């Protein structure tokens, strides 16, 4: 989970490019983004994950923790310097507040998943 969250943060850092989603999947993503803003709810259960963001191998916990903490610092620097991408392959047009909100919701989703 820690390494998966690190990978997710690589998207706004422009280190991972996601394939463009087809129209219907993007429509679901844009709707989910609006729903999360409107109702302040979390990431919908069973929301699809891009293949390159799936971690299906063993990770060293301490290394993954340190990597995620460094990636969060890198993200904060990019955020503070207004260098976030204007679009997301699934969620469409993105503003800084969208990136911050969705990154928070994603990390919160996984922390709650493990009762942290």
N, C-alpha and C. Protein backbone atom coordinates (compact mmCIF):
# COMPACT_ATOMS: atom_id res chain seq x y z
N UNK A 1 0.83 -1.18 0.00
CA UNK A 1 0.00 0.00 0.00
C UNK A 1 0.87 1.24 0.00
N UNK A 2 1.95 1.25 0.78
CA UNK A 2 2.82 2.41 0.83
C UNK A 2 3.47 2.68 -0.52
N UNK A 3 3.93 1.61 -1.18
CA UNK A 3 4.56 1.80 -2.48
C UNK A 3 3.54 2.19 -3.53
N UNK A 4 2.33 1.66 -3.45
CA UNK A 4 1.24 2.06 -4.35
C UNK A 4 0.96 3.56 -4.20
N UNK A 5 0.91 4.06 -2.97
CA UNK A 5 0.67 5.49 -2.74
C UNK A 5 1.82 6.33 -3.28
N UNK A 6 3.04 5.82 -3.17
CA UNK A 6 4.20 6.48 -3.78
C UNK A 6 4.01 6.57 -5.30
N UNK A 7 3.57 5.48 -5.91
CA UNK A 7 3.37 5.48 -7.36
C UNK A 7 2.29 6.47 -7.78
N UNK A 8 1.21 6.54 -7.02
CA UNK A 8 0.13 7.48 -7.34
C UNK A 8 0.66 8.91 -7.34
N UNK A 9 1.50 9.23 -6.38
CA UNK A 9 2.07 10.58 -6.30
C UNK A 9 3.04 10.87 -7.44
N UNK A 10 3.52 9.84 -8.12
CA UNK A 10 4.41 10.05 -9.25
C UNK A 10 3.67 10.66 -10.45
N UNK A 11 2.35 10.56 -10.46
CA UNK A 11 1.56 11.13 -11.56
C UNK A 11 1.65 12.66 -11.55
N UNK A 12 1.31 13.34 -10.45
CA UNK A 12 1.45 14.80 -10.48
C UNK A 12 2.91 15.27 -10.52
N UNK A 13 3.84 14.39 -10.14
CA UNK A 13 5.26 14.73 -10.24
C UNK A 13 5.76 14.54 -11.67
N UNK A 14 4.90 14.04 -12.54
CA UNK A 14 5.18 13.83 -13.96
C UNK A 14 6.26 12.77 -14.20
N UNK A 15 6.37 11.82 -13.28
CA UNK A 15 7.32 10.72 -13.43
C UNK A 15 6.65 9.45 -13.96
N UNK A 16 5.32 9.42 -13.93
CA UNK A 16 4.56 8.31 -14.51
C UNK A 16 3.49 8.91 -15.41
N UNK A 17 3.47 8.45 -16.66
CA UNK A 17 2.43 8.85 -17.60
C UNK A 17 1.40 7.73 -17.66
N UNK A 18 0.16 8.11 -17.52
CA UNK A 18 -0.92 7.13 -17.62
C UNK A 18 -1.50 7.14 -19.02
N UNK A 19 -1.94 5.98 -19.50
CA UNK A 19 -2.60 5.96 -20.81
C UNK A 19 -3.92 6.70 -20.72
N UNK A 20 -4.28 7.38 -21.77
CA UNK A 20 -5.54 8.10 -21.79
C UNK A 20 -6.70 7.11 -21.69
N UNK A 21 -7.60 7.38 -20.77
CA UNK A 21 -8.77 6.51 -20.59
C UNK A 21 -9.76 6.74 -21.71
N UNK A 22 -10.53 5.71 -22.03
CA UNK A 22 -11.55 5.92 -23.06
C UNK A 22 -12.65 6.83 -22.51
N UNK A 23 -13.51 7.30 -23.38
CA UNK A 23 -14.52 8.30 -23.02
C UNK A 23 -15.37 7.87 -21.83
N UNK A 24 -15.84 6.63 -21.82
CA UNK A 24 -16.74 6.19 -20.76
C UNK A 24 -16.04 6.07 -19.41
N UNK A 25 -14.81 5.57 -19.43
CA UNK A 25 -14.04 5.46 -18.18
C UNK A 25 -13.72 6.86 -17.65
N UNK A 26 -13.36 7.77 -18.55
CA UNK A 26 -13.06 9.14 -18.13
C UNK A 26 -14.32 9.81 -17.57
N UNK A 27 -15.46 9.53 -18.16
CA UNK A 27 -16.72 10.07 -17.66
C UNK A 27 -16.98 9.60 -16.23
N UNK A 28 -16.68 8.33 -15.96
CA UNK A 28 -16.82 7.79 -14.60
C UNK A 28 -15.85 8.51 -13.66
N UNK A 29 -14.60 8.69 -14.11
CA UNK A 29 -13.60 9.38 -13.29
C UNK A 29 -13.98 10.82 -12.97
N UNK A 30 -14.43 11.55 -13.97
CA UNK A 30 -14.83 12.94 -13.76
C UNK A 30 -16.03 13.01 -12.82
N UNK A 31 -16.97 12.09 -13.00
CA UNK A 31 -18.15 12.04 -12.12
C UNK A 31 -17.72 11.70 -10.69
N UNK A 32 -16.81 10.75 -10.52
CA UNK A 32 -16.33 10.38 -9.18
C UNK A 32 -15.64 11.57 -8.52
N UNK A 33 -14.83 12.31 -9.29
CA UNK A 33 -14.15 13.49 -8.74
C UNK A 33 -15.17 14.51 -8.25
N UNK A 34 -16.19 14.78 -9.05
CA UNK A 34 -17.22 15.75 -8.66
C UNK A 34 -18.01 15.26 -7.45
N UNK A 35 -18.29 13.97 -7.42
CA UNK A 35 -19.03 13.39 -6.29
C UNK A 35 -18.23 13.50 -4.99
N UNK A 36 -16.92 13.24 -5.08
CA UNK A 36 -16.07 13.35 -3.88
C UNK A 36 -16.04 14.79 -3.37
N UNK A 37 -15.99 15.75 -4.28
CA UNK A 37 -16.01 17.16 -3.87
C UNK A 37 -17.37 17.52 -3.26
N UNK A 38 -18.43 17.12 -3.94
CA UNK A 38 -19.78 17.50 -3.53
C UNK A 38 -20.16 16.91 -2.18
N UNK A 39 -19.90 15.62 -1.99
CA UNK A 39 -20.32 14.94 -0.77
C UNK A 39 -19.18 14.72 0.23
N UNK A 40 -17.97 15.15 -0.12
CA UNK A 40 -16.78 14.98 0.71
C UNK A 40 -16.62 13.52 1.15
N UNK A 41 -16.94 12.62 0.23
CA UNK A 41 -16.78 11.20 0.55
C UNK A 41 -15.43 10.71 0.04
N UNK A 42 -15.14 9.46 0.26
CA UNK A 42 -13.85 8.91 -0.10
C UNK A 42 -13.81 8.34 -1.49
N UNK A 43 -12.71 7.68 -1.77
CA UNK A 43 -12.53 7.00 -3.05
C UNK A 43 -13.59 5.89 -3.14
N UNK A 44 -14.34 5.84 -4.24
CA UNK A 44 -15.36 4.78 -4.36
C UNK A 44 -14.71 3.39 -4.33
N UNK A 45 -15.38 2.46 -3.65
CA UNK A 45 -14.89 1.09 -3.60
C UNK A 45 -14.88 0.51 -5.01
N UNK A 46 -13.90 -0.33 -5.28
CA UNK A 46 -13.75 -1.00 -6.57
C UNK A 46 -13.51 -0.05 -7.73
N UNK A 47 -13.00 1.15 -7.44
CA UNK A 47 -12.65 2.07 -8.51
C UNK A 47 -11.47 1.46 -9.26
N UNK A 48 -11.50 1.49 -10.59
CA UNK A 48 -10.42 0.85 -11.34
C UNK A 48 -9.07 1.52 -11.08
N UNK A 49 -8.01 0.72 -11.15
CA UNK A 49 -6.64 1.20 -10.98
C UNK A 49 -5.87 0.92 -12.26
N UNK A 50 -5.13 1.90 -12.73
CA UNK A 50 -4.29 1.69 -13.90
C UNK A 50 -3.27 0.59 -13.59
N UNK A 51 -3.02 -0.27 -14.56
CA UNK A 51 -2.15 -1.43 -14.38
C UNK A 51 -0.78 -1.06 -13.82
N UNK A 52 -0.19 0.03 -14.30
CA UNK A 52 1.16 0.38 -13.86
C UNK A 52 1.21 0.91 -12.43
N UNK A 53 0.04 1.06 -11.78
CA UNK A 53 -0.02 1.53 -10.40
C UNK A 53 -0.32 0.40 -9.41
N UNK A 54 -0.50 -0.79 -9.94
CA UNK A 54 -0.80 -1.95 -9.10
C UNK A 54 0.51 -2.55 -8.60
N UNK A 55 0.60 -2.75 -7.31
CA UNK A 55 1.80 -3.35 -6.70
C UNK A 55 1.41 -4.77 -6.29
N UNK A 56 1.94 -5.74 -7.01
CA UNK A 56 1.62 -7.14 -6.71
C UNK A 56 2.89 -7.92 -6.41
N UNK A 57 3.79 -7.27 -5.69
CA UNK A 57 5.03 -7.90 -5.30
C UNK A 57 5.37 -7.48 -3.88
N UNK A 58 6.23 -8.24 -3.24
CA UNK A 58 6.63 -7.95 -1.86
C UNK A 58 7.47 -6.68 -1.81
N UNK A 59 7.20 -5.85 -0.82
CA UNK A 59 7.97 -4.62 -0.62
C UNK A 59 8.54 -4.63 0.79
N UNK A 60 9.70 -4.04 0.93
CA UNK A 60 10.28 -3.84 2.25
C UNK A 60 9.53 -2.67 2.90
N UNK A 61 8.89 -2.92 4.03
CA UNK A 61 8.05 -1.91 4.67
C UNK A 61 8.83 -0.62 4.95
N UNK A 62 9.98 -0.72 5.58
CA UNK A 62 10.74 0.47 5.96
C UNK A 62 11.19 1.26 4.74
N UNK A 63 11.62 0.59 3.71
CA UNK A 63 12.03 1.27 2.48
C UNK A 63 10.83 1.95 1.83
N UNK A 64 9.69 1.26 1.77
CA UNK A 64 8.49 1.84 1.18
C UNK A 64 8.01 3.05 1.99
N UNK A 65 8.12 2.97 3.30
CA UNK A 65 7.73 4.10 4.16
C UNK A 65 8.60 5.31 3.88
N UNK A 66 9.92 5.11 3.85
CA UNK A 66 10.84 6.21 3.59
C UNK A 66 10.63 6.79 2.19
N UNK A 67 10.41 5.93 1.23
CA UNK A 67 10.17 6.38 -0.14
C UNK A 67 8.91 7.24 -0.22
N UNK A 68 7.83 6.78 0.43
CA UNK A 68 6.59 7.55 0.42
C UNK A 68 6.77 8.90 1.10
N UNK A 69 7.44 8.93 2.22
CA UNK A 69 7.66 10.20 2.92
C UNK A 69 8.46 11.17 2.05
N UNK A 70 9.48 10.69 1.35
CA UNK A 70 10.25 11.56 0.45
C UNK A 70 9.39 12.02 -0.72
N UNK A 71 8.57 11.13 -1.24
CA UNK A 71 7.69 11.48 -2.36
C UNK A 71 6.67 12.53 -1.93
N UNK A 72 6.17 12.44 -0.71
CA UNK A 72 5.25 13.47 -0.20
C UNK A 72 5.95 14.83 -0.12
N UNK A 73 7.22 14.84 0.27
CA UNK A 73 7.98 16.10 0.30
C UNK A 73 8.16 16.64 -1.12
N UNK A 74 8.47 15.76 -2.06
CA UNK A 74 8.62 16.17 -3.46
C UNK A 74 7.31 16.73 -4.00
N UNK A 75 6.20 16.07 -3.67
CA UNK A 75 4.88 16.53 -4.11
C UNK A 75 4.59 17.91 -3.54
N UNK A 76 4.89 18.12 -2.26
CA UNK A 76 4.64 19.41 -1.63
C UNK A 76 5.43 20.52 -2.32
N UNK A 77 6.67 20.23 -2.70
CA UNK A 77 7.48 21.22 -3.39
C UNK A 77 6.87 21.58 -4.75
N UNK A 78 6.45 20.57 -5.51
CA UNK A 78 5.82 20.80 -6.81
C UNK A 78 4.51 21.58 -6.62
N UNK A 79 3.74 21.20 -5.62
CA UNK A 79 2.47 21.88 -5.30
C UNK A 79 2.73 23.35 -4.96
N UNK A 80 3.69 23.61 -4.09
CA UNK A 80 3.98 24.98 -3.67
C UNK A 80 4.54 25.83 -4.80
N UNK A 81 5.17 25.20 -5.78
CA UNK A 81 5.72 25.93 -6.92
C UNK A 81 4.77 26.00 -8.12
N UNK A 82 3.51 25.61 -7.89
CA UNK A 82 2.48 25.67 -8.94
C UNK A 82 2.90 24.94 -10.21
N UNK A 83 3.45 23.74 -10.05
CA UNK A 83 3.94 22.97 -11.19
C UNK A 83 3.16 21.68 -11.42
N UNK A 84 1.95 21.62 -10.90
CA UNK A 84 1.13 20.42 -11.07
C UNK A 84 0.54 20.36 -12.47
N UNK A 85 0.33 19.17 -13.00
CA UNK A 85 -0.27 19.04 -14.35
C UNK A 85 -1.69 19.60 -14.38
N UNK A 86 -2.09 20.00 -15.55
CA UNK A 86 -3.44 20.56 -15.73
C UNK A 86 -4.49 19.49 -16.01
N UNK A 87 -4.04 18.27 -16.30
CA UNK A 87 -4.97 17.19 -16.64
C UNK A 87 -4.54 15.89 -15.99
N UNK A 88 -5.52 15.02 -15.81
CA UNK A 88 -5.29 13.66 -15.31
C UNK A 88 -5.98 12.72 -16.29
N UNK A 89 -5.36 11.58 -16.55
CA UNK A 89 -5.89 10.63 -17.54
C UNK A 89 -7.28 10.12 -17.19
N UNK A 90 -7.62 10.06 -15.91
CA UNK A 90 -8.92 9.56 -15.48
C UNK A 90 -9.86 10.69 -15.04
N UNK A 91 -9.34 11.67 -14.33
CA UNK A 91 -10.19 12.71 -13.73
C UNK A 91 -10.32 13.97 -14.58
N UNK A 92 -9.66 14.03 -15.72
CA UNK A 92 -9.81 15.16 -16.62
C UNK A 92 -9.08 16.41 -16.14
N UNK A 93 -9.66 17.56 -16.42
CA UNK A 93 -9.06 18.85 -16.07
C UNK A 93 -8.87 18.93 -14.56
N UNK A 94 -7.69 19.37 -14.15
CA UNK A 94 -7.35 19.42 -12.72
C UNK A 94 -6.80 20.78 -12.35
N UNK A 95 -7.25 21.27 -11.21
CA UNK A 95 -6.69 22.48 -10.60
C UNK A 95 -5.84 22.03 -9.41
N UNK A 96 -5.05 22.94 -8.86
CA UNK A 96 -4.22 22.59 -7.70
C UNK A 96 -5.05 22.00 -6.57
N UNK A 97 -6.19 22.63 -6.31
CA UNK A 97 -7.02 22.13 -5.20
C UNK A 97 -7.56 20.72 -5.49
N UNK A 98 -7.78 20.39 -6.77
CA UNK A 98 -8.22 19.04 -7.13
C UNK A 98 -7.12 18.03 -6.82
N UNK A 99 -5.87 18.35 -7.20
CA UNK A 99 -4.76 17.44 -6.92
C UNK A 99 -4.62 17.21 -5.42
N UNK A 100 -4.61 18.29 -4.66
CA UNK A 100 -4.45 18.16 -3.21
C UNK A 100 -5.57 17.34 -2.58
N UNK A 101 -6.80 17.64 -2.98
CA UNK A 101 -7.96 16.94 -2.44
C UNK A 101 -7.92 15.45 -2.79
N UNK A 102 -7.66 15.14 -4.06
CA UNK A 102 -7.68 13.74 -4.49
C UNK A 102 -6.50 12.96 -3.93
N UNK A 103 -5.34 13.59 -3.82
CA UNK A 103 -4.20 12.89 -3.22
C UNK A 103 -4.47 12.62 -1.74
N UNK A 104 -5.07 13.59 -1.05
CA UNK A 104 -5.44 13.38 0.35
C UNK A 104 -6.44 12.24 0.46
N UNK A 105 -7.49 12.26 -0.36
CA UNK A 105 -8.53 11.24 -0.30
C UNK A 105 -7.96 9.85 -0.59
N UNK A 106 -7.03 9.77 -1.53
CA UNK A 106 -6.44 8.48 -1.87
C UNK A 106 -5.61 7.93 -0.71
N UNK A 107 -4.76 8.77 -0.16
CA UNK A 107 -3.93 8.33 0.96
C UNK A 107 -4.80 7.97 2.17
N UNK A 108 -5.80 8.78 2.45
CA UNK A 108 -6.72 8.52 3.56
C UNK A 108 -7.46 7.19 3.34
N UNK A 109 -7.85 6.92 2.12
CA UNK A 109 -8.55 5.68 1.77
C UNK A 109 -7.70 4.47 2.17
N UNK A 110 -6.42 4.50 1.83
CA UNK A 110 -5.56 3.36 2.13
C UNK A 110 -5.16 3.29 3.60
N UNK A 111 -5.00 4.42 4.24
CA UNK A 111 -4.69 4.40 5.67
C UNK A 111 -5.87 3.82 6.47
N UNK A 112 -7.08 4.20 6.09
CA UNK A 112 -8.27 3.64 6.75
C UNK A 112 -8.40 2.16 6.46
N UNK A 113 -8.00 1.75 5.25
CA UNK A 113 -8.06 0.35 4.86
C UNK A 113 -7.27 -0.52 5.83
N UNK A 114 -6.17 0.03 6.37
CA UNK A 114 -5.32 -0.70 7.29
C UNK A 114 -5.45 -0.19 8.72
N UNK A 115 -6.53 0.52 9.01
CA UNK A 115 -6.81 1.05 10.35
C UNK A 115 -5.66 1.86 10.93
N UNK A 116 -5.06 2.69 10.09
CA UNK A 116 -3.95 3.54 10.55
C UNK A 116 -4.49 4.94 10.78
